Amino acid sequence: MNLGHSVASSCFVLSLLGLTVAACSTGGMQQPDLAPAAAVTTAPLAPPEALPIGPMTAADISRVLGERKFTYAMPGRKGTVMFYRDGTFEYDEAGKGAGTGIWQASDGKLCEARNPTSFLPKGTPSVCSPITSDGTRLTAGTMQLIPL
């Protein structure tokens, strides 16, 4: 491989990584421009949507769970869970560890199944529980979900 090709390849790779390179030539490579970037401004995050009160439709359930993290508690178990809009969730159960699963909303019910983990070797089948809200927490069967 000749040096000119090597330097050109290096310039190409650096460009892919998003680094600004002032100039490249077969004779060598100049130092990247290290001037500070303009300040990045971000809009404040909108507050999470308030929980509805009472029984919920499938659309209500999807809207309040999707992309949202909760603490959960049920007899003998507690932890945190993050629900994603794609129908998956990740949880971390106190004293046991992390796991994943799938969820689905139907009118008035939340259906969940947990994937196998070291502490839950067979996972769980999908279980659908009635879900309601009092405006501050969700109750799905025996599980309480409190938004974080």
C-alpha atoms as a PDB file:
ATOM      1  CA  MET A   1       0.000   0.000   0.000  1.00  0.00           C
ATOM      2  CA  ASN A   2       1.492   3.396  -0.897  1.00  0.00           C
ATOM      3  CA  LEU A   3       1.604   6.316   1.534  1.00  0.00           C
ATOM      4  CA  GLY A   4      -0.610   8.559  -0.618  1.00  0.00           C
ATOM      5  CA  HIS A   5      -3.416   5.976  -0.592  1.00  0.00           C
ATOM      6  CA  SER A   6      -3.005   5.495   3.164  1.00  0.00           C
ATOM      7  CA  VAL A   7      -3.314   9.227   3.895  1.00  0.00           C
ATOM      8  CA  ALA A   8      -6.332   9.560   1.592  1.00  0.00           C
ATOM      9  CA  SER A   9      -7.965   6.595   3.313  1.00  0.00           C
ATOM     10  CA  SER A  10      -7.261   8.163   6.696  1.00  0.00           C
ATOM     11  CA  CYS A  11      -8.896  11.381   5.571  1.00  0.00           C
ATOM     12  CA  PHE A  12     -11.946   9.447   4.406  1.00  0.00           C
ATOM     13  CA  VAL A  13     -12.225   7.573   7.712  1.00  0.00           C
ATOM     14  CA  LEU A  14     -11.843  10.760   9.715  1.00  0.00           C
ATOM     15  CA  SER A  15     -14.595  12.336   7.653  1.00  0.00           C
ATOM     16  CA  LEU A  16     -16.904   9.423   8.446  1.00  0.00           C
ATOM     17  CA  LEU A  17     -16.254   9.881  12.143  1.00  0.00           C
ATOM     18  CA  GLY A  18     -17.439  13.469  11.892  1.00  0.00           C
ATOM     19  CA  LEU A  19     -14.063  15.082  12.490  1.00  0.00           C
ATOM     20  CA  THR A  20     -13.280  18.250  10.589  1.00  0.00           C
ATOM     21  CA  VAL A  21     -10.028  17.917   8.666  1.00  0.00           C
ATOM     22  CA  ALA A  22      -8.620  21.162   7.232  1.00  0.00           C
ATOM     23  CA  ALA A  23      -6.820  19.511   4.293  1.00  0.00           C
ATOM     24  CA  CYS A  24      -5.375  16.200   3.205  1.00  0.00           C
ATOM     25  CA  SER A  25      -2.761  15.537   0.565  1.00  0.00           C
ATOM     26  CA  THR A  26      -0.370  12.802  -0.418  1.00  0.00           C
ATOM     27  CA  GLY A  27       2.348  14.811   1.294  1.00  0.00           C
ATOM     28  CA  GLY A  28       0.731  14.603   4.704  1.00  0.00           C
ATOM     29  CA  MET A  29      -2.257  15.618   6.715  1.00  0.00           C
ATOM     30  CA  GLN A  30      -2.797  18.930   8.490  1.00  0.00           C
ATOM     31  CA  GLN A  31      -4.068  19.050  12.040  1.00  0.00           C
ATOM     32  CA  PRO A  32      -7.865  19.094  12.412  1.00  0.00           C
ATOM     33  CA  ASP A  33      -9.510  22.417  13.193  1.00  0.00           C
ATOM     34  CA  LEU A  34     -10.102  22.196  16.936  1.00  0.00           C
ATOM     35  CA  ALA A  35     -12.037  25.457  17.297  1.00  0.00           C
ATOM     36  CA  PRO A  36     -14.898  25.046  19.791  1.00  0.00           C
ATOM     37  CA  ALA A  37     -18.240  24.219  18.232  1.00  0.00           C
ATOM     38  CA  ALA A  38     -21.144  26.609  18.600  1.00  0.00           C
ATOM     39  CA  ALA A  39     -23.122  26.116  21.793  1.00  0.00           C
ATOM     40  CA  VAL A  40     -25.860  23.560  21.456  1.00  0.00           C
ATOM     41  CA  THR A  41     -29.212  24.625  22.744  1.00  0.00           C
ATOM     42  CA  THR A  42     -31.956  22.217  23.540  1.00  0.00           C
ATOM     43  CA  ALA A  43     -35.551  22.900  24.232  1.00  0.00           C
ATOM     44  CA  PRO A  44     -36.722  21.769  27.662  1.00  0.00           C
ATOM     45  CA  LEU A  45     -38.420  18.406  27.652  1.00  0.00           C
ATOM     46  CA  ALA A  46     -42.175  18.558  27.765  1.00  0.00           C
ATOM     47  CA  PRO A  47     -43.574  17.196  31.012  1.00  0.00           C
ATOM     48  CA  PRO A  48     -44.957  13.685  30.712  1.00  0.00           C
ATOM     49  CA  GLU A  49     -48.606  13.443  29.884  1.00  0.00           C
ATOM     50  CA  ALA A  50     -50.888  13.257  32.895  1.00  0.00           C
ATOM     51  CA  LEU A  51     -52.414   9.886  33.591  1.00  0.00           C
ATOM     52  CA  PRO A  52     -56.099   9.581  32.773  1.00  0.00           C
ATOM     53  CA  ILE A  53     -58.539   8.684  35.527  1.00  0.00           C
ATOM     54  CA  GLY A  54     -60.572   5.491  35.360  1.00  0.00           C
ATOM     55  CA  PRO A  55     -60.612   2.644  32.838  1.00  0.00           C
ATOM     56  CA  MET A  56     -58.537   3.185  29.717  1.00  0.00           C
ATOM     57  CA  THR A  57     -58.886   2.435  26.022  1.00  0.00           C
ATOM     58  CA  ALA A  58     -56.077   0.708  24.130  1.00  0.00           C
ATOM     59  CA  ALA A  59     -55.056   4.124  22.739  1.00  0.00           C
ATOM     60  CA  ASP A  60     -54.948   5.607  26.270  1.00  0.00           C
ATOM     61  CA  ILE A  61     -52.769   2.736  27.505  1.00  0.00           C
ATOM     62  CA  SER A  62     -50.374   2.980  24.553  1.00  0.00           C
ATOM     63  CA  ARG A  63     -50.092   6.738  24.932  1.00  0.00           C
ATOM     64  CA  VAL A  64     -49.371   6.750  28.698  1.00  0.00           C
ATOM     65  CA  LEU A  65     -46.991   3.761  28.683  1.00  0.00           C
ATOM     66  CA  GLY A  66     -45.004   4.314  25.470  1.00  0.00           C
ATOM     67  CA  GLU A  67     -41.502   5.726  26.024  1.00  0.00           C
ATOM     68  CA  ARG A  68     -42.093   6.081  29.753  1.00  0.00           C
ATOM     69  CA  LYS A  69     -40.382   4.691  32.869  1.00  0.00           C
ATOM     70  CA  PHE A  70     -42.194   3.551  36.020  1.00  0.00           C
ATOM     71  CA  THR A  71     -41.481   1.983  39.362  1.00  0.00           C
ATOM     72  CA  TYR A  72     -43.551  -1.130  39.887  1.00  0.00           C
ATOM     73  CA  ALA A  73     -44.620  -3.075  42.920  1.00  0.00           C
ATOM     74  CA  MET A  74     -46.637  -6.227  43.357  1.00  0.00           C
ATOM     75  CA  PRO A  75     -46.697  -8.904  46.039  1.00  0.00           C
ATOM     76  CA  GLY A  76     -43.114 -10.115  46.503  1.00  0.00           C
ATOM     77  CA  ARG A  77     -41.667  -8.088  43.592  1.00  0.00           C
ATOM     78  CA  LYS A  78     -40.616  -4.522  42.875  1.00  0.00           C
ATOM     79  CA  GLY A  79     -38.384  -2.634  40.478  1.00  0.00           C
ATOM     80  CA  THR A  80     -38.386  -0.280  37.531  1.00  0.00           C
ATOM     81  CA  VAL A  81     -39.734  -0.785  34.034  1.00  0.00           C
ATOM     82  CA  MET A  82     -39.380   1.175  30.792  1.00  0.00           C
ATOM     83  CA  PHE A  83     -42.092   0.666  28.188  1.00  0.00           C
ATOM     84  CA  TYR A  84     -41.254   1.376  24.532  1.00  0.00           C
ATOM     85  CA  ARG A  85     -43.686   2.289  21.769  1.00  0.00           C
ATOM     86  CA  ASP A  86     -42.572  -0.702  19.711  1.00  0.00           C
ATOM     87  CA  GLY A  87     -44.269  -3.035  22.214  1.00  0.00           C
ATOM     88  CA  THR A  88     -41.151  -4.048  24.143  1.00  0.00           C
ATOM     89  CA  PHE A  89     -40.121  -3.277  27.695  1.00  0.00           C
ATOM     90  CA  GLU A  90     -37.018  -3.503  29.865  1.00  0.00           C
ATOM     91  CA  TYR A  91     -37.156  -3.984  33.613  1.00  0.00           C
ATOM     92  CA  ASP A  92     -34.821  -4.222  36.559  1.00  0.00           C
ATOM     93  CA  GLU A  93     -36.234  -6.248  39.415  1.00  0.00           C
ATOM     94  CA  ALA A  94     -34.844  -5.547  42.882  1.00  0.00           C
ATOM     95  CA  GLY A  95     -32.712  -8.406  44.137  1.00  0.00           C
ATOM     96  CA  LYS A  96     -32.955 -10.358  40.878  1.00  0.00           C
ATOM     97  CA  GLY A  97     -31.677  -8.410  37.881  1.00  0.00           C
ATOM     98  CA  ALA A  98     -32.652  -7.048  34.506  1.00  0.00           C
ATOM     99  CA  GLY A  99     -34.885  -8.526  31.854  1.00  0.00           C
ATOM    100  CA  THR A 100     -36.961  -7.744  28.797  1.00  0.00           C
ATOM    101  CA  GLY A 101     -40.389  -8.572  27.478  1.00  0.00           C
ATOM    102  CA  ILE A 102     -43.236  -7.552  25.231  1.00  0.00           C
ATOM    103  CA  TRP A 103     -46.435  -5.641  25.990  1.00  0.00           C
ATOM    104  CA  GLN A 104     -49.679  -4.940  24.205  1.00  0.00           C
ATOM    105  CA  ALA A 105     -52.604  -2.694  25.014  1.00  0.00           C
ATOM    106  CA  SER A 106     -56.214  -3.686  24.524  1.00  0.00           C
ATOM    107  CA  ASP A 107     -59.280  -1.818  25.712  1.00  0.00           C
ATOM    108  CA  GLY A 108     -59.136  -1.884  29.493  1.00  0.00           C
ATOM    109  CA  LYS A 109     -56.238  -4.391  29.648  1.00  0.00           C
ATOM    110  CA  LEU A 110     -52.466  -4.495  29.623  1.00  0.00           C
ATOM    111  CA  CYS A 111     -50.937  -7.711  28.285  1.00  0.00           C
ATOM    112  CA  GLU A 112     -47.327  -8.573  29.179  1.00  0.00           C
ATOM    113  CA  ALA A 113     -44.936 -11.478  28.667  1.00  0.00           C
ATOM    114  CA  ARG A 114     -41.404 -11.649  30.077  1.00  0.00           C
ATOM    115  CA  ASN A 115     -38.512 -13.190  28.169  1.00  0.00           C
ATOM    116  CA  PRO A 116     -36.345 -15.863  29.820  1.00  0.00           C
ATOM    117  CA  THR A 117     -33.596 -14.648  32.183  1.00  0.00           C
ATOM    118  CA  SER A 118     -31.250 -16.379  34.619  1.00  0.00           C
ATOM    119  CA  PHE A 119     -33.782 -15.800  37.416  1.00  0.00           C
ATOM    120  CA  LEU A 120     -36.830 -16.543  35.197  1.00  0.00           C
ATOM    121  CA  PRO A 121     -35.525 -19.390  32.987  1.00  0.00           C
ATOM    122  CA  LYS A 122     -38.777 -20.048  31.132  1.00  0.00           C
ATOM    123  CA  GLY A 123     -39.979 -16.447  30.965  1.00  0.00           C
ATOM    124  CA  THR A 124     -43.723 -15.956  31.353  1.00  0.00           C
ATOM    125  CA  PRO A 125     -46.638 -16.435  29.002  1.00  0.00           C
ATOM    126  CA  SER A 126     -48.621 -13.371  28.005  1.00  0.00           C
ATOM    127  CA  VAL A 127     -50.984 -12.346  30.790  1.00  0.00           C
ATOM    128  CA  CYS A 128     -53.642  -9.665  30.301  1.00  0.00           C
ATOM    129  CA  SER A 129     -54.726  -7.717  33.361  1.00  0.00           C
ATOM    130  CA  PRO A 130     -57.384  -5.038  33.729  1.00  0.00           C
ATOM    131  CA  ILE A 131     -55.678  -1.649  33.974  1.00  0.00           C
ATOM    132  CA  THR A 132     -57.008   1.524  35.556  1.00  0.00           C
ATOM    133  CA  SER A 133     -55.605   4.827  36.707  1.00  0.00           C
ATOM    134  CA  ASP A 134     -56.336   7.120  39.626  1.00  0.00           C
ATOM    135  CA  GLY A 135     -54.448   9.988  37.979  1.00  0.00           C
ATOM    136  CA  THR A 136     -51.191   9.384  39.870  1.00  0.00           C
ATOM    137  CA  ARG A 137     -50.597   5.653  39.376  1.00  0.00           C
ATOM    138  CA  LEU A 138     -51.721   2.783  37.172  1.00  0.00           C
ATOM    139  CA  THR A 139     -53.023  -0.486  38.552  1.00  0.00           C
ATOM    140  CA  ALA A 140     -52.704  -3.535  36.281  1.00  0.00           C
ATOM    141  CA  GLY A 141     -53.979  -6.573  38.128  1.00  0.00           C
ATOM    142  CA  THR A 142     -51.913  -6.690  41.346  1.00  0.00           C
ATOM    143  CA  MET A 143     -49.166  -4.473  39.954  1.00  0.00           C
ATOM    144  CA  GLN A 144     -48.905  -0.772  40.799  1.00  0.00           C
ATOM    145  CA  LEU A 145     -47.059   1.427  38.254  1.00  0.00           C
ATOM    146  CA  ILE A 146     -45.905   4.875  39.373  1.00  0.00           C
ATOM    147  CA  PRO A 147     -44.391   7.186  36.733  1.00  0.00           C
ATOM    148  CA  LEU A 148     -40.824   8.353  37.300  1.00  0.00           C
END
